[in-house]
C-alpha atoms as a PDB file:
ATOM      1  CA  MET A   1      97.426 109.855 155.946  1.00  0.00           C
ATOM      2  CA  THR A   2      98.038 109.845 152.200  1.00  0.00           C
ATOM      3  CA  ALA A   3     101.523 110.878 150.898  1.00  0.00           C
ATOM      4  CA  ALA A   4     101.888 113.482 148.668  1.00  0.00           C
ATOM      5  CA  ARG A   5     101.245 113.278 144.774  1.00  0.00           C
ATOM      6  CA  PRO A   6     104.583 114.211 143.321  1.00  0.00           C
ATOM      7  CA  LEU A   7     104.697 116.870 141.005  1.00  0.00           C
ATOM      8  CA  PRO A   8     104.518 116.069 136.904  1.00  0.00           C
ATOM      9  CA  GLY A   9     108.283 116.240 136.245  1.00  0.00           C
ATOM     10  CA  PRO A  10     109.068 118.726 132.708  1.00  0.00           C
ATOM     11  CA  ALA A  11     107.389 117.828 129.252  1.00  0.00           C
ATOM     12  CA  ALA A  12     109.458 116.024 127.341  1.00  0.00           C
ATOM     13  CA  PRO A  13     110.623 117.916 124.382  1.00  0.00           C
ATOM     14  CA  LEU A  14     109.777 117.436 121.316  1.00  0.00           C
ATOM     15  CA  GLY A  15     111.722 115.800 118.439  1.00  0.00           C
ATOM     16  CA  LEU A  16     112.529 114.186 115.093  1.00  0.00           C
ATOM     17  CA  ARG A  17     110.440 111.224 115.878  1.00  0.00           C
ATOM     18  CA  HIS A  18     107.185 113.615 117.065  1.00  0.00           C
ATOM     19  CA  ASP A  19     107.341 116.095 114.293  1.00  0.00           C
ATOM     20  CA  LEU A  20     107.224 114.273 111.791  1.00  0.00           C
ATOM     21  CA  ARG A  21     104.447 112.351 113.219  1.00  0.00           C
ATOM     22  CA  THR A  22     102.652 116.003 112.949  1.00  0.00           C
ATOM     23  CA  VAL A  23     103.159 116.013 109.299  1.00  0.00           C
ATOM     24  CA  ARG A  24     102.222 112.634 108.168  1.00  0.00           C
ATOM     25  CA  VAL A  25      98.743 113.822 110.441  1.00  0.00           C
ATOM     26  CA  VAL A  26      98.192 116.804 108.759  1.00  0.00           C
ATOM     27  CA  LEU A  27      99.176 115.770 105.178  1.00  0.00           C
ATOM     28  CA  GLN A  28      96.825 112.415 106.095  1.00  0.00           C
ATOM     29  CA  ARG A  29      93.649 114.656 107.536  1.00  0.00           C
ATOM     30  CA  ASP A  30      93.588 116.961 103.908  1.00  0.00           C
ATOM     31  CA  LEU A  31      94.119 113.663 102.074  1.00  0.00           C
ATOM     32  CA  PHE A  32      90.932 112.742 102.969  1.00  0.00           C
ATOM     33  CA  ARG A  33      89.425 115.646 102.747  1.00  0.00           C
ATOM     34  CA  PHE A  34      90.185 115.544  98.746  1.00  0.00           C
ATOM     35  CA  LEU A  35      89.455 112.094  98.747  1.00  0.00           C
ATOM     36  CA  HIS A  36      85.603 114.147 100.234  1.00  0.00           C
ATOM     37  CA  ASP A  37      86.076 116.781  96.994  1.00  0.00           C
ATOM     38  CA  VAL A  38      86.205 114.691  93.980  1.00  0.00           C
ATOM     39  CA  GLY A  39      84.070 117.595  92.367  1.00  0.00           C
ATOM     40  CA  ARG A  40      86.903 119.667  92.501  1.00  0.00           C
ATOM     41  CA  SER A  41      89.872 116.786  91.294  1.00  0.00           C
ATOM     42  CA  VAL A  42      87.634 116.185  88.421  1.00  0.00           C
ATOM     43  CA  SER A  43      86.921 120.510  87.534  1.00  0.00           C
ATOM     44  CA  MET A  44      90.738 120.374  88.017  1.00  0.00           C
ATOM     45  CA  LEU A  45      91.290 117.742  85.484  1.00  0.00           C
ATOM     46  CA  LEU A  46      88.785 119.186  82.345  1.00  0.00           C
ATOM     47  CA  GLN A  47      90.004 122.896  82.993  1.00  0.00           C
ATOM     48  CA  SER A  48      93.226 120.913  81.682  1.00  0.00           C
ATOM     49  CA  LEU A  49      91.445 118.842  78.632  1.00  0.00           C
ATOM     50  CA  MET A  50      89.691 122.678  77.284  1.00  0.00           C
ATOM     51  CA  TRP A  51      93.349 123.993  77.479  1.00  0.00           C
ATOM     52  CA  LEU A  52      95.061 120.980  75.755  1.00  0.00           C
ATOM     53  CA  PHE A  53      91.984 120.154  73.579  1.00  0.00           C
ATOM     54  CA  VAL A  54      90.138 122.582  72.649  1.00  0.00           C
ATOM     55  CA  ILE A  55      92.372 125.926  73.037  1.00  0.00           C
ATOM     56  CA  GLY A  56      95.708 124.303  71.948  1.00  0.00           C
ATOM     57  CA  VAL A  57      93.788 122.225  68.940  1.00  0.00           C
ATOM     58  CA  GLY A  58      91.894 125.687  67.866  1.00  0.00           C
ATOM     59  CA  PHE A  59      94.417 128.077  68.024  1.00  0.00           C
ATOM     60  CA  GLY A  60      97.071 124.748  66.423  1.00  0.00           C
ATOM     61  CA  SER A  61      94.744 125.578  63.657  1.00  0.00           C
ATOM     62  CA  LEU A  62      96.084 129.097  63.587  1.00  0.00           C
ATOM     63  CA  VAL A  63      99.435 128.239  62.899  1.00  0.00           C
ATOM     64  CA  PRO A  64     100.708 126.799  59.851  1.00  0.00           C
ATOM     65  CA  ARG A  65     102.884 122.839  61.258  1.00  0.00           C
ATOM     66  CA  GLY A  66     106.271 122.819  59.640  1.00  0.00           C
ATOM     67  CA  ASP A  67     107.509 119.770  57.676  1.00  0.00           C
ATOM     68  CA  ASP A  68     108.122 117.485  61.233  1.00  0.00           C
ATOM     69  CA  GLY A  69     103.766 118.309  61.434  1.00  0.00           C
ATOM     70  CA  LEU A  70     104.512 118.584  65.312  1.00  0.00           C
ATOM     71  CA  PRO A  71     100.998 119.695  67.402  1.00  0.00           C
ATOM     72  CA  LEU A  72     100.934 122.935  69.134  1.00  0.00           C
ATOM     73  CA  THR A  73      99.661 120.129  71.784  1.00  0.00           C
ATOM     74  CA  ALA A  74     102.498 118.662  72.600  1.00  0.00           C
ATOM     75  CA  VAL A  75     103.969 122.155  73.296  1.00  0.00           C
ATOM     76  CA  MET A  76     101.766 123.166  75.237  1.00  0.00           C
ATOM     77  CA  PHE A  77     101.285 120.269  77.114  1.00  0.00           C
ATOM     78  CA  PRO A  78     104.251 121.205  79.297  1.00  0.00           C
ATOM     79  CA  GLY A  79     102.531 124.886  80.736  1.00  0.00           C
ATOM     80  CA  VAL A  80      99.383 122.416  80.587  1.00  0.00           C
ATOM     81  CA  VAL A  81     100.222 120.603  83.519  1.00  0.00           C
ATOM     82  CA  VAL A  82     102.336 123.643  85.524  1.00  0.00           C
ATOM     83  CA  MET A  83      98.711 125.577  84.942  1.00  0.00           C
ATOM     84  CA  ALA A  84      97.323 122.458  86.714  1.00  0.00           C
ATOM     85  CA  VAL A  85     100.037 122.600  89.827  1.00  0.00           C
ATOM     86  CA  ILE A  86      99.379 125.752  90.807  1.00  0.00           C
ATOM     87  CA  GLY A  87      96.063 125.370  90.458  1.00  0.00           C
ATOM     88  CA  THR A  88      96.088 122.531  92.704  1.00  0.00           C
ATOM     89  CA  ALA A  89      97.999 123.869  94.351  1.00  0.00           C
ATOM     90  CA  VAL A  90      96.470 127.257  95.659  1.00  0.00           C
ATOM     91  CA  SER A  91      92.818 126.401  96.173  1.00  0.00           C
ATOM     92  CA  SER A  92      94.687 123.305  98.166  1.00  0.00           C
ATOM     93  CA  ALA A  93      96.012 126.070 100.278  1.00  0.00           C
ATOM     94  CA  ALA A  94      92.385 127.518 101.038  1.00  0.00           C
ATOM     95  CA  THR A  95      92.182 125.241 103.477  1.00  0.00           C
ATOM     96  CA  VAL A  96      94.480 127.354 105.626  1.00  0.00           C
ATOM     97  CA  VAL A  97      91.350 129.877 105.098  1.00  0.00           C
ATOM     98  CA  THR A  98      88.080 127.522 106.346  1.00  0.00           C
ATOM     99  CA  ASP A  99      90.670 126.258 109.138  1.00  0.00           C
ATOM    100  CA  ARG A 100      91.067 129.874 110.534  1.00  0.00           C
ATOM    101  CA  GLU A 101      87.267 130.346 110.217  1.00  0.00           C
ATOM    102  CA  ALA A 102      86.238 127.130 112.080  1.00  0.00           C
ATOM    103  CA  GLY A 103      88.223 127.352 115.126  1.00  0.00           C
ATOM    104  CA  PHE A 104      89.529 124.240 113.799  1.00  0.00           C
ATOM    105  CA  LEU A 105      93.539 126.354 113.103  1.00  0.00           C
ATOM    106  CA  ARG A 106      93.653 127.375 116.042  1.00  0.00           C
ATOM    107  CA  GLY A 107      93.080 123.905 117.944  1.00  0.00           C
ATOM    108  CA  MET A 108      96.744 123.212 115.625  1.00  0.00           C
ATOM    109  CA  LEU A 109      98.399 125.723 116.944  1.00  0.00           C
ATOM    110  CA  VAL A 110      98.009 125.260 120.384  1.00  0.00           C
ATOM    111  CA  ALA A 111      98.411 121.918 120.482  1.00  0.00           C
ATOM    112  CA  PRO A 112     101.616 119.727 121.439  1.00  0.00           C
ATOM    113  CA  ALA A 113     103.666 120.314 119.198  1.00  0.00           C
ATOM    114  CA  ARG A 114     106.432 122.229 116.784  1.00  0.00           C
ATOM    115  CA  ARG A 115     104.372 125.448 114.481  1.00  0.00           C
ATOM    116  CA  SER A 116     107.396 124.494 112.326  1.00  0.00           C
ATOM    117  CA  ALA A 117     105.918 121.049 111.869  1.00  0.00           C
ATOM    118  CA  LEU A 118     102.299 121.645 111.500  1.00  0.00           C
ATOM    119  CA  ALA A 119     103.263 124.803 108.554  1.00  0.00           C
ATOM    120  CA  LEU A 120     105.821 122.112 106.693  1.00  0.00           C
ATOM    121  CA  GLY A 121     102.996 118.849 107.119  1.00  0.00           C
ATOM    122  CA  LYS A 122     100.711 122.262 105.397  1.00  0.00           C
ATOM    123  CA  VAL A 123     102.785 122.710 102.859  1.00  0.00           C
ATOM    124  CA  LEU A 124     103.442 118.928 101.349  1.00  0.00           C
ATOM    125  CA  SER A 125      99.562 118.100 101.732  1.00  0.00           C
ATOM    126  CA  GLY A 126      99.376 120.517  99.485  1.00  0.00           C
ATOM    127  CA  ALA A 127     102.209 119.691  96.802  1.00  0.00           C
ATOM    128  CA  THR A 128     101.288 116.377  96.957  1.00  0.00           C
ATOM    129  CA  LEU A 129      97.838 116.783  95.304  1.00  0.00           C
ATOM    130  CA  ALA A 130      98.649 119.119  93.409  1.00  0.00           C
ATOM    131  CA  THR A 131     101.332 116.156  91.869  1.00  0.00           C
ATOM    132  CA  ILE A 132      98.535 114.211  91.964  1.00  0.00           C
ATOM    133  CA  GLN A 133      96.464 116.385  90.020  1.00  0.00           C
ATOM    134  CA  ALA A 134      99.709 116.152  87.280  1.00  0.00           C
ATOM    135  CA  CYS A 135      99.754 112.917  87.367  1.00  0.00           C
ATOM    136  CA  LEU A 136      95.842 112.640  85.343  1.00  0.00           C
ATOM    137  CA  VAL A 137      97.341 115.225  83.121  1.00  0.00           C
ATOM    138  CA  LEU A 138     100.605 113.343  82.055  1.00  0.00           C
ATOM    139  CA  ALA A 139      98.266 109.909  81.338  1.00  0.00           C
ATOM    140  CA  VAL A 140      97.449 112.149  78.193  1.00  0.00           C
ATOM    141  CA  SER A 141     100.240 113.308  77.523  1.00  0.00           C
ATOM    142  CA  GLY A 142     100.063 110.659  74.072  1.00  0.00           C
ATOM    143  CA  LEU A 143      97.357 112.582  72.964  1.00  0.00           C
ATOM    144  CA  ALA A 144      99.315 115.746  72.971  1.00  0.00           C
ATOM    145  CA  GLY A 145     101.858 114.038  70.776  1.00  0.00           C
ATOM    146  CA  VAL A 146     103.887 114.264  73.944  1.00  0.00           C
ATOM    147  CA  PRO A 147     105.834 110.211  73.780  1.00  0.00           C
ATOM    148  CA  TYR A 148     104.879 107.803  76.791  1.00  0.00           C
ATOM    149  CA  ALA A 149     109.348 107.877  78.030  1.00  0.00           C
ATOM    150  CA  PRO A 150     109.436 106.604  80.707  1.00  0.00           C
ATOM    151  CA  MET A 151     112.445 109.277  82.008  1.00  0.00           C
ATOM    152  CA  LEU A 152     110.759 111.114  80.156  1.00  0.00           C
ATOM    153  CA  LEU A 153     108.202 111.082  82.695  1.00  0.00           C
ATOM    154  CA  LEU A 154     110.138 111.186  86.068  1.00  0.00           C
ATOM    155  CA  VAL A 155     111.777 114.377  84.484  1.00  0.00           C
ATOM    156  CA  LEU A 156     108.393 115.505  84.309  1.00  0.00           C
ATOM    157  CA  LEU A 157     106.830 114.351  87.515  1.00  0.00           C
ATOM    158  CA  ALA A 158     110.098 115.455  89.401  1.00  0.00           C
ATOM    159  CA  LEU A 159     109.684 119.240  88.610  1.00  0.00           C
ATOM    160  CA  THR A 160     105.645 118.978  88.556  1.00  0.00           C
ATOM    161  CA  PHE A 161     106.606 118.455  92.359  1.00  0.00           C
ATOM    162  CA  LEU A 162     109.087 121.031  92.471  1.00  0.00           C
ATOM    163  CA  VAL A 163     106.602 123.802  90.738  1.00  0.00           C
ATOM    164  CA  ALA A 164     103.517 121.842  93.497  1.00  0.00           C
ATOM    165  CA  LEU A 165     106.046 122.855  96.830  1.00  0.00           C
ATOM    166  CA  THR A 166     106.322 125.875  95.632  1.00  0.00           C
ATOM    167  CA  ALA A 167     103.223 127.444  94.888  1.00  0.00           C
ATOM    168  CA  SER A 168     101.514 125.425  97.855  1.00  0.00           C
ATOM    169  CA  ALA A 169     103.638 127.392  99.699  1.00  0.00           C
ATOM    170  CA  LEU A 170     102.890 130.493  97.852  1.00  0.00           C
ATOM    171  CA  GLY A 171      99.305 130.088  98.545  1.00  0.00           C
ATOM    172  CA  ILE A 172      99.639 129.106 102.039  1.00  0.00           C
ATOM    173  CA  LEU A 173     101.589 132.052 102.969  1.00  0.00           C
ATOM    174  CA  ILE A 174      99.355 134.244 101.404  1.00  0.00           C
ATOM    175  CA  ALA A 175      96.679 132.043 102.998  1.00  0.00           C
ATOM    176  CA  LEU A 176      98.437 133.501 106.527  1.00  0.00           C
ATOM    177  CA  VAL A 177      98.127 136.854 105.555  1.00  0.00           C
ATOM    178  CA  VAL A 178      94.517 137.413 104.336  1.00  0.00           C
ATOM    179  CA  LYS A 179      92.081 137.682 106.213  1.00  0.00           C
ATOM    180  CA  GLY A 180      88.073 135.626 105.058  1.00  0.00           C
ATOM    181  CA  SER A 181      87.665 133.590 101.794  1.00  0.00           C
ATOM    182  CA  GLU A 182      86.867 136.450  99.409  1.00  0.00           C
ATOM    183  CA  GLY A 183      90.354 137.966  99.290  1.00  0.00           C
ATOM    184  CA  PHE A 184      92.238 134.908 100.273  1.00  0.00           C
ATOM    185  CA  MET A 185      90.415 133.769  96.239  1.00  0.00           C
ATOM    186  CA  GLY A 186      90.560 137.534  94.323  1.00  0.00           C
ATOM    187  CA  MET A 187      94.058 137.978  96.405  1.00  0.00           C
ATOM    188  CA  ALA A 188      95.485 133.791  94.900  1.00  0.00           C
ATOM    189  CA  GLN A 189      94.141 135.269  91.403  1.00  0.00           C
ATOM    190  CA  LEU A 190      96.189 138.356  91.077  1.00  0.00           C
ATOM    191  CA  VAL A 191      99.062 136.743  91.720  1.00  0.00           C
ATOM    192  CA  ILE A 192      99.111 133.012  89.739  1.00  0.00           C
ATOM    193  CA  SER A 193      97.421 134.281  87.066  1.00  0.00           C
ATOM    194  CA  PRO A 194     100.072 136.553  85.583  1.00  0.00           C
ATOM    195  CA  LEU A 195     102.975 134.384  86.761  1.00  0.00           C
ATOM    196  CA  VAL A 196     100.778 132.046  84.866  1.00  0.00           C
ATOM    197  CA  LEU A 197     100.363 133.981  81.148  1.00  0.00           C
ATOM    198  CA  LEU A 198     103.544 136.158  81.719  1.00  0.00           C
ATOM    199  CA  SER A 199     105.453 132.041  81.712  1.00  0.00           C
ATOM    200  CA  GLY A 200     105.822 131.551  78.223  1.00  0.00           C
ATOM    201  CA  ALA A 201     103.012 128.088  79.473  1.00  0.00           C
ATOM    202  CA  LEU A 202     100.885 128.507  76.362  1.00  0.00           C
ATOM    203  CA  PHE A 203     102.933 130.669  74.406  1.00  0.00           C
ATOM    204  CA  PRO A 204     106.574 130.303  72.871  1.00  0.00           C
ATOM    205  CA  ILE A 205     108.731 133.141  74.342  1.00  0.00           C
ATOM    206  CA  GLY A 206     112.046 133.724  71.973  1.00  0.00           C
ATOM    207  CA  ASN A 207     109.542 136.246  69.592  1.00  0.00           C
ATOM    208  CA  LEU A 208     108.075 138.826  71.887  1.00  0.00           C
ATOM    209  CA  PRO A 209     108.231 142.307  72.087  1.00  0.00           C
ATOM    210  CA  PRO A 210     110.935 143.578  74.510  1.00  0.00           C
ATOM    211  CA  TRP A 211     108.879 145.152  77.531  1.00  0.00           C
ATOM    212  CA  LEU A 212     107.240 141.793  77.575  1.00  0.00           C
ATOM    213  CA  ALA A 213     110.149 139.604  77.003  1.00  0.00           C
ATOM    214  CA  ALA A 214     111.964 141.155  80.083  1.00  0.00           C
ATOM    215  CA  ILE A 215     108.640 139.935  82.698  1.00  0.00           C
ATOM    216  CA  THR A 216     108.748 135.909  81.571  1.00  0.00           C
ATOM    217  CA  LEU A 217     112.545 136.687  82.718  1.00  0.00           C
ATOM    218  CA  VAL A 218     112.049 138.109  86.489  1.00  0.00           C
ATOM    219  CA  ASN A 219     109.251 135.680  87.157  1.00  0.00           C
ATOM    220  CA  PRO A 220     109.863 132.262  88.366  1.00  0.00           C
ATOM    221  CA  VAL A 221     107.214 129.856  86.885  1.00  0.00           C
ATOM    222  CA  THR A 222     109.496 130.772  83.077  1.00  0.00           C
ATOM    223  CA  TYR A 223     112.040 128.295  85.142  1.00  0.00           C
ATOM    224  CA  VAL A 224     110.093 125.652  85.875  1.00  0.00           C
ATOM    225  CA  VAL A 225     107.786 126.049  82.222  1.00  0.00           C
ATOM    226  CA  ASP A 226     111.610 126.299  80.233  1.00  0.00           C
ATOM    227  CA  PRO A 227     113.158 122.871  81.702  1.00  0.00           C
ATOM    228  CA  MET A 228     109.924 120.794  80.995  1.00  0.00           C
ATOM    229  CA  ARG A 229     109.688 121.818  77.513  1.00  0.00           C
ATOM    230  CA  GLN A 230     113.048 121.350  76.842  1.00  0.00           C
ATOM    231  CA  ALA A 231     112.426 117.773  78.539  1.00  0.00           C
ATOM    232  CA  VAL A 232     109.314 117.116  75.972  1.00  0.00           C
ATOM    233  CA  PHE A 233     111.132 118.250  72.808  1.00  0.00           C
ATOM    234  CA  ALA A 234     114.639 116.059  74.043  1.00  0.00           C
ATOM    235  CA  HIS A 235     112.282 112.810  72.654  1.00  0.00           C
ATOM    236  CA  LEU A 236     110.581 114.976  70.372  1.00  0.00           C
ATOM    237  CA  ASP A 237     111.725 114.834  66.209  1.00  0.00           C
ATOM    238  CA  THR A 238     112.133 118.253  65.385  1.00  0.00           C
ATOM    239  CA  SER A 239     113.838 120.668  63.243  1.00  0.00           C
ATOM    240  CA  ALA A 240     115.770 123.559  64.383  1.00  0.00           C
ATOM    241  CA  ALA A 241     113.251 125.731  62.704  1.00  0.00           C
ATOM    242  CA  THR A 242     110.922 123.833  65.463  1.00  0.00           C
ATOM    243  CA  GLU A 243     113.436 124.356  68.136  1.00  0.00           C
ATOM    244  CA  ALA A 244     114.179 127.599  67.592  1.00  0.00           C
ATOM    245  CA  LEU A 245     110.545 128.583  67.267  1.00  0.00           C
ATOM    246  CA  TYR A 246     109.183 126.997  70.131  1.00  0.00           C
ATOM    247  CA  ASN A 247     111.994 126.157  72.036  1.00  0.00           C
ATOM    248  CA  PRO A 248     114.194 128.700  72.506  1.00  0.00           C
ATOM    249  CA  GLY A 249     115.253 128.703  76.055  1.00  0.00           C
ATOM    250  CA  VAL A 250     115.849 131.499  78.728  1.00  0.00           C
ATOM    251  CA  VAL A 251     118.059 133.451  77.557  1.00  0.00           C
ATOM    252  CA  TRP A 252     120.225 136.147  79.831  1.00  0.00           C
ATOM    253  CA  PHE A 253     122.249 139.047  78.211  1.00  0.00           C
ATOM    254  CA  GLY A 254     122.385 136.479  74.987  1.00  0.00           C
ATOM    255  CA  TRP A 255     123.401 133.577  76.895  1.00  0.00           C
ATOM    256  CA  ARG A 256     120.967 130.451  77.305  1.00  0.00           C
ATOM    257  CA  ILE A 257     120.862 130.148  80.547  1.00  0.00           C
ATOM    258  CA  PRO A 258     121.164 125.831  81.507  1.00  0.00           C
ATOM    259  CA  TRP A 259     117.888 123.916  82.159  1.00  0.00           C
ATOM    260  CA  VAL A 260     120.232 122.941  85.539  1.00  0.00           C
ATOM    261  CA  ALA A 261     121.061 126.634  87.240  1.00  0.00           C
ATOM    262  CA  GLU A 262     117.461 126.745  85.876  1.00  0.00           C
ATOM    263  CA  VAL A 263     115.754 124.005  88.657  1.00  0.00           C
ATOM    264  CA  GLY A 264     117.962 125.834  91.180  1.00  0.00           C
ATOM    265  CA  LEU A 265     116.341 128.926  91.301  1.00  0.00           C
ATOM    266  CA  VAL A 266     113.990 127.717  91.071  1.00  0.00           C
ATOM    267  CA  ALA A 267     114.386 125.404  94.787  1.00  0.00           C
ATOM    268  CA  ALA A 268     115.579 128.747  95.992  1.00  0.00           C
ATOM    269  CA  ALA A 269     112.855 130.343  95.253  1.00  0.00           C
ATOM    270  CA  CYS A 270     110.859 127.589  97.393  1.00  0.00           C
ATOM    271  CA  ALA A 271     113.268 127.675  99.513  1.00  0.00           C
ATOM    272  CA  LEU A 272     112.689 130.524 100.516  1.00  0.00           C
ATOM    273  CA  LEU A 273     109.469 130.857 100.565  1.00  0.00           C
ATOM    274  CA  ILE A 274     108.377 127.856 103.219  1.00  0.00           C
ATOM    275  CA  TRP A 275     110.723 130.350 105.101  1.00  0.00           C
ATOM    276  CA  LEU A 276     108.302 132.277 104.684  1.00  0.00           C
ATOM    277  CA  VAL A 277     105.634 130.239 105.452  1.00  0.00           C
ATOM    278  CA  VAL A 278     107.543 128.752 108.726  1.00  0.00           C
ATOM    279  CA  THR A 279     108.385 132.218 110.080  1.00  0.00           C
ATOM    280  CA  ARG A 280     104.376 132.933 110.014  1.00  0.00           C
ATOM    281  CA  PHE A 281     102.844 129.832 111.484  1.00  0.00           C
ATOM    282  CA  ASN A 282     105.209 130.771 113.686  1.00  0.00           C
ATOM    283  CA  ARG A 283     104.133 134.468 114.426  1.00  0.00           C
ATOM    284  CA  SER A 284     100.682 133.346 113.918  1.00  0.00           C
ATOM    285  CA  GLU A 285      97.712 133.811 117.510  1.00  0.00           C
END
């Protein structure tokens, strides 16, 4: 007579190492998908180059240069980088919709992994892809009139990753709320376009009408474009008049906000969005 087989014990708790492995697997999967979709990366790069060297140069011909000869492309460069980051991060979030339609998302949710780790992996993968895309734009900064200063590029890269995390979390939150690919793209454009256009990405905000200036002050993207533009102007030899016109900063009731405070506001918005994504993932069925 055979002995009774012992009952299996309780499953081992999921620890930090398991969560990190989950994040790594999600990140690797999205990176492999990105490598097999080179066309999207090329199209985003061409779109950024068009904004810089077609629209920027075209509008620059209408704006008289000062004595320092600053090109408009140098003023627009931080905003174009932010546009490339947000566009890539939000389009990467569309994989949540396609995974849900294909049934793959349900398989992820029932896997022996914490849903918070899955959510963080999706946010980090979107931010990583957007940062890679931004590096391609940063590589042409010299052509736009922005110097290849190592410290400047490091600052821009750090700010780029912060806005990439924020945009990735926002895109995934939209993807979790909206059902269907068509609905996601429509909602994403409805949310992203005003955030970019009303952030001073393509024009300085110092001389805007009061009603439009008030909108830019409540736009979180404004507070990442401005520090990037301040970092660029810190490495340019410009006159006081040019600085006042193209780099006025963000002003609250006569007080110009320091760039450290602006970065802190963006970091707080990023943390809030990531928390909302994790919460929504935990409620997904």
